[in-house]
C-alpha atoms as a PDB file:
ATOM      1  CA  VAL A   1      11.502 -61.010  95.527  1.00  0.00           C
ATOM      2  CA  LEU A   2      11.589 -58.412  92.789  1.00  0.00           C
ATOM      3  CA  ASP A   3      15.002 -57.292  91.540  1.00  0.00           C
ATOM      4  CA  ILE A   4      15.235 -54.332  89.153  1.00  0.00           C
ATOM      5  CA  ASN A   5      18.709 -53.459  87.873  1.00  0.00           C
ATOM      6  CA  ALA A   6      19.161 -50.306  85.813  1.00  0.00           C
ATOM      7  CA  THR A   7      22.223 -48.318  84.836  1.00  0.00           C
ATOM      8  CA  ASP A   8      20.520 -44.946  84.576  1.00  0.00           C
ATOM      9  CA  GLU A   9      16.953 -44.399  85.777  1.00  0.00           C
ATOM     10  CA  ILE A  10      13.783 -46.215  86.776  1.00  0.00           C
ATOM     11  CA  GLU A  11      10.678 -44.107  86.346  1.00  0.00           C
ATOM     12  CA  LEU A  12       7.288 -44.856  87.931  1.00  0.00           C
ATOM     13  CA  ASN A  13       4.399 -42.727  86.706  1.00  0.00           C
ATOM     14  CA  ALA A  14       1.189 -43.170  88.678  1.00  0.00           C
ATOM     15  CA  THR A  15      -1.220 -41.126  90.768  1.00  0.00           C
ATOM     16  CA  LEU A  16      -0.408 -43.312  93.764  1.00  0.00           C
ATOM     17  CA  VAL A  17       2.374 -45.734  94.598  1.00  0.00           C
ATOM     18  CA  ASP A  18       1.503 -47.643  97.763  1.00  0.00           C
ATOM     19  CA  ILE A  19       4.393 -49.345  99.581  1.00  0.00           C
ATOM     20  CA  ASN A  20       3.490 -51.482 102.589  1.00  0.00           C
ATOM     21  CA  ALA A  21       6.950 -52.456 103.778  1.00  0.00           C
ATOM     22  CA  ASN A  22      10.160 -51.137 105.265  1.00  0.00           C
ATOM     23  CA  VAL A  23      12.097 -49.099 102.718  1.00  0.00           C
ATOM     24  CA  GLU A  24      15.865 -48.761 102.778  1.00  0.00           C
ATOM     25  CA  ILE A  25      17.612 -46.084 100.722  1.00  0.00           C
ATOM     26  CA  SER A  26      21.399 -46.186 100.743  1.00  0.00           C
ATOM     27  CA  GLY A  27      21.996 -43.278  98.375  1.00  0.00           C
ATOM     28  CA  THR A  28      20.744 -39.722  98.160  1.00  0.00           C
ATOM     29  CA  ALA A  29      16.967 -39.318  98.062  1.00  0.00           C
ATOM     30  CA  THR A  30      15.747 -36.147  96.359  1.00  0.00           C
ATOM     31  CA  THR A  31      12.031 -35.556  96.719  1.00  0.00           C
ATOM     32  CA  THR A  32       9.589 -32.757  95.963  1.00  0.00           C
ATOM     33  CA  GLY A  33       6.083 -32.104  97.184  1.00  0.00           C
ATOM     34  CA  VAL A  34       4.495 -32.442 100.601  1.00  0.00           C
ATOM     35  CA  HIS A  35       5.660 -35.215 102.932  1.00  0.00           C
ATOM     36  CA  THR A  36       3.114 -36.416 105.473  1.00  0.00           C
ATOM     37  CA  PHE A  37       4.244 -38.791 108.215  1.00  0.00           C
ATOM     38  CA  THR A  38       1.473 -40.545 110.134  1.00  0.00           C
ATOM     39  CA  ALA A  39       3.951 -42.436 112.315  1.00  0.00           C
ATOM     40  CA  THR A  40       7.168 -41.307 113.964  1.00  0.00           C
ATOM     41  CA  PRO A  41       9.947 -41.565 111.369  1.00  0.00           C
ATOM     42  CA  VAL A  42      13.451 -42.492 112.489  1.00  0.00           C
ATOM     43  CA  PHE A  43      16.353 -41.064 110.501  1.00  0.00           C
ATOM     44  CA  SER A  44      19.893 -42.275 111.163  1.00  0.00           C
ATOM     45  CA  SER A  45      21.652 -39.427 109.384  1.00  0.00           C
ATOM     46  CA  ASP A  46      21.238 -35.708 108.682  1.00  0.00           C
ATOM     47  CA  ILE A  47      18.139 -34.282 107.046  1.00  0.00           C
ATOM     48  CA  THR A  48      18.493 -31.174 104.881  1.00  0.00           C
ATOM     49  CA  VAL A  49      15.357 -29.189 104.148  1.00  0.00           C
ATOM     50  CA  THR A  50      15.476 -26.437 101.539  1.00  0.00           C
ATOM     51  CA  ASP A  51      12.158 -24.832 102.448  1.00  0.00           C
ATOM     52  CA  ASP A  52       9.593 -24.719 105.274  1.00  0.00           C
ATOM     53  CA  ILE A  53       8.920 -27.321 107.932  1.00  0.00           C
ATOM     54  CA  ASN A  54       5.320 -27.141 109.147  1.00  0.00           C
ATOM     55  CA  LEU A  55       4.326 -28.769 112.426  1.00  0.00           C
ATOM     56  CA  ILE A  56       0.537 -28.516 112.189  1.00  0.00           C
ATOM     57  CA  SER A  57      -0.532 -30.091 115.478  1.00  0.00           C
ATOM     58  CA  ASP A  58      -1.289 -27.963 118.558  1.00  0.00           C
ATOM     59  CA  SER A  59       0.774 -30.466 120.541  1.00  0.00           C
ATOM     60  CA  ALA A  60       3.762 -30.339 118.161  1.00  0.00           C
ATOM     61  CA  LEU A  61       7.225 -30.548 119.672  1.00  0.00           C
ATOM     62  CA  ILE A  62      10.835 -31.023 118.679  1.00  0.00           C
ATOM     63  CA  THR A  63      13.051 -33.067 120.979  1.00  0.00           C
ATOM     64  CA  PHE A  64      16.835 -33.206 121.279  1.00  0.00           C
ATOM     65  CA  GLY A  65      19.257 -35.661 122.865  1.00  0.00           C
ATOM     66  CA  ALA A  66      19.490 -39.433 123.161  1.00  0.00           C
ATOM     67  CA  ASN A  67      16.859 -39.343 125.909  1.00  0.00           C
ATOM     68  CA  SER A  68      14.788 -36.523 124.331  1.00  0.00           C
ATOM     69  CA  GLU A  69      15.562 -34.513 127.462  1.00  0.00           C
ATOM     70  CA  VAL A  70      15.388 -31.102 125.777  1.00  0.00           C
ATOM     71  CA  LYS A  71      12.185 -29.989 124.076  1.00  0.00           C
ATOM     72  CA  ILE A  72      10.809 -27.116 122.050  1.00  0.00           C
ATOM     73  CA  VAL A  73       7.059 -27.326 122.615  1.00  0.00           C
ATOM     74  CA  HIS A  74       4.296 -25.482 120.773  1.00  0.00           C
ATOM     75  CA  ARG A  75       2.219 -23.214 123.057  1.00  0.00           C
ATOM     76  CA  HIS A  76      -1.193 -23.029 121.419  1.00  0.00           C
ATOM     77  CA  ASP A  77      -1.852 -19.578 119.895  1.00  0.00           C
ATOM     78  CA  ASP A  78       1.033 -17.740 121.569  1.00  0.00           C
ATOM     79  CA  GLY A  79       4.517 -19.158 121.069  1.00  0.00           C
ATOM     80  CA  LEU A  80       7.038 -21.779 122.112  1.00  0.00           C
ATOM     81  CA  ARG A  81       8.106 -23.309 125.397  1.00  0.00           C
ATOM     82  CA  LEU A  82      11.735 -24.375 125.867  1.00  0.00           C
ATOM     83  CA  GLN A  83      11.959 -27.185 128.384  1.00  0.00           C
ATOM     84  CA  THR A  84      14.332 -29.678 129.918  1.00  0.00           C
ATOM     85  CA  THR A  85      12.824 -32.856 131.310  1.00  0.00           C
ATOM     86  CA  LYS A  86      15.600 -33.318 133.894  1.00  0.00           C
ATOM     87  CA  THR A  87      14.038 -33.329 137.369  1.00  0.00           C
ATOM     88  CA  SER A  88      17.155 -33.394 139.550  1.00  0.00           C
ATOM     89  CA  ASP A  89      18.122 -30.387 141.695  1.00  0.00           C
ATOM     90  CA  ASN A  90      19.855 -27.502 139.884  1.00  0.00           C
ATOM     91  CA  SER A  91      18.848 -28.616 136.378  1.00  0.00           C
ATOM     92  CA  PRO A  92      17.991 -25.344 134.607  1.00  0.00           C
ATOM     93  CA  PHE A  93      17.187 -24.943 130.943  1.00  0.00           C
ATOM     94  CA  ILE A  94      20.167 -23.164 129.368  1.00  0.00           C
ATOM     95  CA  LEU A  95      19.777 -21.125 126.199  1.00  0.00           C
ATOM     96  CA  SER A  96      23.282 -20.298 125.028  1.00  0.00           C
ATOM     97  CA  LEU A  97      23.935 -17.567 122.450  1.00  0.00           C
ATOM     98  CA  GLU A  98      27.444 -18.291 121.173  1.00  0.00           C
ATOM     99  CA  SER A  99      29.405 -16.243 118.655  1.00  0.00           C
ATOM    100  CA  GLY A 100      31.506 -18.147 116.138  1.00  0.00           C
ATOM    101  CA  GLU A 101      33.816 -15.144 115.752  1.00  0.00           C
ATOM    102  CA  THR A 102      37.471 -16.076 116.322  1.00  0.00           C
ATOM    103  CA  ASP A 103      38.791 -12.607 117.238  1.00  0.00           C
ATOM    104  CA  ILE A 104      36.505 -10.625 119.558  1.00  0.00           C
ATOM    105  CA  ALA A 105      37.470  -6.932 119.570  1.00  0.00           C
ATOM    106  CA  ALA A 106      36.182  -4.003 121.632  1.00  0.00           C
ATOM    107  CA  ASP A 107      32.474  -3.225 121.024  1.00  0.00           C
ATOM    108  CA  ASP A 108      31.757  -6.503 119.219  1.00  0.00           C
ATOM    109  CA  VAL A 109      28.267  -7.835 119.909  1.00  0.00           C
ATOM    110  CA  ILE A 110      28.633 -11.405 121.185  1.00  0.00           C
ATOM    111  CA  GLY A 111      24.923 -12.195 121.381  1.00  0.00           C
ATOM    112  CA  GLN A 112      21.688 -10.219 121.165  1.00  0.00           C
ATOM    113  CA  ILE A 113      17.959 -10.653 121.672  1.00  0.00           C
ATOM    114  CA  ASP A 114      15.790  -8.285 119.590  1.00  0.00           C
ATOM    115  CA  PHE A 115      12.114  -7.450 119.998  1.00  0.00           C
ATOM    116  CA  ALA A 116      10.243  -6.059 116.975  1.00  0.00           C
ATOM    117  CA  ALA A 117       6.748  -5.804 115.479  1.00  0.00           C
ATOM    118  CA  VAL A 118       7.806  -6.572 111.906  1.00  0.00           C
ATOM    119  CA  ASP A 119       4.253  -7.071 110.656  1.00  0.00           C
ATOM    120  CA  GLU A 120       2.857  -3.825 112.138  1.00  0.00           C
ATOM    121  CA  ALA A 121       0.775  -2.372 109.300  1.00  0.00           C
ATOM    122  CA  THR A 122       1.705   1.298 109.836  1.00  0.00           C
ATOM    123  CA  GLY A 123       5.305   0.562 108.787  1.00  0.00           C
ATOM    124  CA  THR A 124       8.448   2.693 109.072  1.00  0.00           C
ATOM    125  CA  ASP A 125       9.460   3.150 112.748  1.00  0.00           C
ATOM    126  CA  ALA A 126       6.804   0.658 113.839  1.00  0.00           C
ATOM    127  CA  ASN A 127       8.749  -2.150 112.108  1.00  0.00           C
ATOM    128  CA  LEU A 128      12.162  -1.329 113.560  1.00  0.00           C
ATOM    129  CA  VAL A 129      13.712  -3.127 116.533  1.00  0.00           C
ATOM    130  CA  ALA A 130      11.776  -1.677 119.487  1.00  0.00           C
ATOM    131  CA  ALA A 131      13.969  -3.136 122.248  1.00  0.00           C
ATOM    132  CA  SER A 132      16.950  -5.425 122.653  1.00  0.00           C
ATOM    133  CA  ILE A 133      19.399  -6.844 125.138  1.00  0.00           C
ATOM    134  CA  ALA A 134      22.953  -7.333 123.896  1.00  0.00           C
ATOM    135  CA  ALA A 135      26.205  -8.684 125.302  1.00  0.00           C
ATOM    136  CA  VAL A 136      28.939  -6.307 124.061  1.00  0.00           C
ATOM    137  CA  SER A 137      32.681  -6.791 124.536  1.00  0.00           C
ATOM    138  CA  GLU A 138      34.401  -4.021 126.506  1.00  0.00           C
ATOM    139  CA  GLY A 139      37.802  -4.714 125.000  1.00  0.00           C
ATOM    140  CA  ASP A 140      39.766  -7.178 122.902  1.00  0.00           C
ATOM    141  CA  PHE A 141      39.324 -10.710 124.222  1.00  0.00           C
ATOM    142  CA  SER A 142      42.427 -12.649 125.178  1.00  0.00           C
ATOM    143  CA  SER A 143      43.368 -15.691 127.241  1.00  0.00           C
ATOM    144  CA  SER A 144      42.974 -13.495 130.335  1.00  0.00           C
ATOM    145  CA  ASN A 145      40.169 -11.108 129.308  1.00  0.00           C
ATOM    146  CA  ASN A 146      36.532 -11.509 128.362  1.00  0.00           C
ATOM    147  CA  ALA A 147      35.158  -8.240 129.833  1.00  0.00           C
ATOM    148  CA  THR A 148      31.592  -7.807 128.596  1.00  0.00           C
ATOM    149  CA  LYS A 149      28.738  -5.430 129.362  1.00  0.00           C
ATOM    150  CA  LEU A 150      25.017  -6.001 129.035  1.00  0.00           C
ATOM    151  CA  SER A 151      23.415  -3.286 126.922  1.00  0.00           C
ATOM    152  CA  PHE A 152      19.690  -2.625 127.398  1.00  0.00           C
ATOM    153  CA  ARG A 153      18.218  -0.847 124.381  1.00  0.00           C
ATOM    154  CA  THR A 154      14.791   0.711 123.847  1.00  0.00           C
ATOM    155  CA  ALA A 155      13.219   2.896 121.161  1.00  0.00           C
ATOM    156  CA  VAL A 156      10.910   5.893 120.984  1.00  0.00           C
ATOM    157  CA  SER A 157      10.871   6.723 117.249  1.00  0.00           C
ATOM    158  CA  GLU A 158      14.027   4.985 116.044  1.00  0.00           C
ATOM    159  CA  ALA A 159      15.794   1.660 116.032  1.00  0.00           C
ATOM    160  CA  ALA A 160      16.421   0.727 119.670  1.00  0.00           C
ATOM    161  CA  SER A 161      19.511   2.332 121.187  1.00  0.00           C
ATOM    162  CA  GLU A 162      21.284   1.859 124.499  1.00  0.00           C
ATOM    163  CA  LYS A 163      19.514   3.500 127.433  1.00  0.00           C
ATOM    164  CA  MET A 164      21.120   1.476 130.235  1.00  0.00           C
ATOM    165  CA  SER A 165      24.116  -0.804 130.606  1.00  0.00           C
ATOM    166  CA  LEU A 166      25.697  -3.016 133.240  1.00  0.00           C
ATOM    167  CA  SER A 167      29.495  -3.216 132.913  1.00  0.00           C
ATOM    168  CA  SER A 168      31.726  -6.190 133.666  1.00  0.00           C
ATOM    169  CA  ALA A 169      32.779  -4.335 136.834  1.00  0.00           C
ATOM    170  CA  GLY A 170      29.133  -4.127 137.959  1.00  0.00           C
ATOM    171  CA  LEU A 171      28.673  -0.431 137.180  1.00  0.00           C
ATOM    172  CA  LEU A 172      25.131   0.497 136.161  1.00  0.00           C
ATOM    173  CA  THR A 173      24.956   3.374 133.665  1.00  0.00           C
ATOM    174  CA  ILE A 174      21.629   5.017 132.863  1.00  0.00           C
ATOM    175  CA  ALA A 175      21.315   7.421 129.919  1.00  0.00           C
ATOM    176  CA  ASP A 176      18.644   9.643 131.418  1.00  0.00           C
ATOM    177  CA  ASP A 177      16.753  10.374 134.625  1.00  0.00           C
ATOM    178  CA  ILE A 178      15.956   7.852 137.339  1.00  0.00           C
ATOM    179  CA  VAL A 179      12.342   8.167 138.439  1.00  0.00           C
ATOM    180  CA  PHE A 180      11.046   6.754 141.735  1.00  0.00           C
ATOM    181  CA  LYS A 181       7.373   6.246 142.452  1.00  0.00           C
ATOM    182  CA  ASP A 182       5.788   8.359 145.182  1.00  0.00           C
ATOM    183  CA  GLY A 183       7.056   7.140 148.520  1.00  0.00           C
ATOM    184  CA  GLY A 184       9.822   5.110 146.887  1.00  0.00           C
ATOM    185  CA  THR A 185      13.132   4.738 148.711  1.00  0.00           C
ATOM    186  CA  ILE A 186      16.686   3.756 147.931  1.00  0.00           C
ATOM    187  CA  GLY A 187      18.082   1.069 150.170  1.00  0.00           C
ATOM    188  CA  VAL A 188      21.761   0.662 150.942  1.00  0.00           C
END
């Protein structure tokens, strides 16, 4: 047993400090540099990261919940997969966009998904939001009102603007012409 008692600071200067044991830290740990974990670490409290987190494996994933039933999984070379591992009937994956605003007024955007090519090399319009879907309040929210429309926005040479919307009453509004393919029909 090695006991080191200090009132201010203990400093270890070495190219490598090798610890082959369980380590318990009961205070705040401030570290700099790259942290590499070769085993699955278990943290019993919050972790605050002030810069990037890099998951460098093609099978990298982040799990949530006591049973790890919700996952964000890396899709090699093209994106992320959001998944629930629940297999029972009617167990969808739910992605909830929730505003923290405490007083929703008319025309407030409650949640929005934007699509953009921010790294497009030609710049200017090419980097603007090219399309989006937004949930927009149709009036002041109250205990008896949460009327909201879905706004579908696209761009030509601009930031995306509303071209179609679906109101809380189910009314579909289209900003321009409706075009049907040859031989297309409208069913009632």
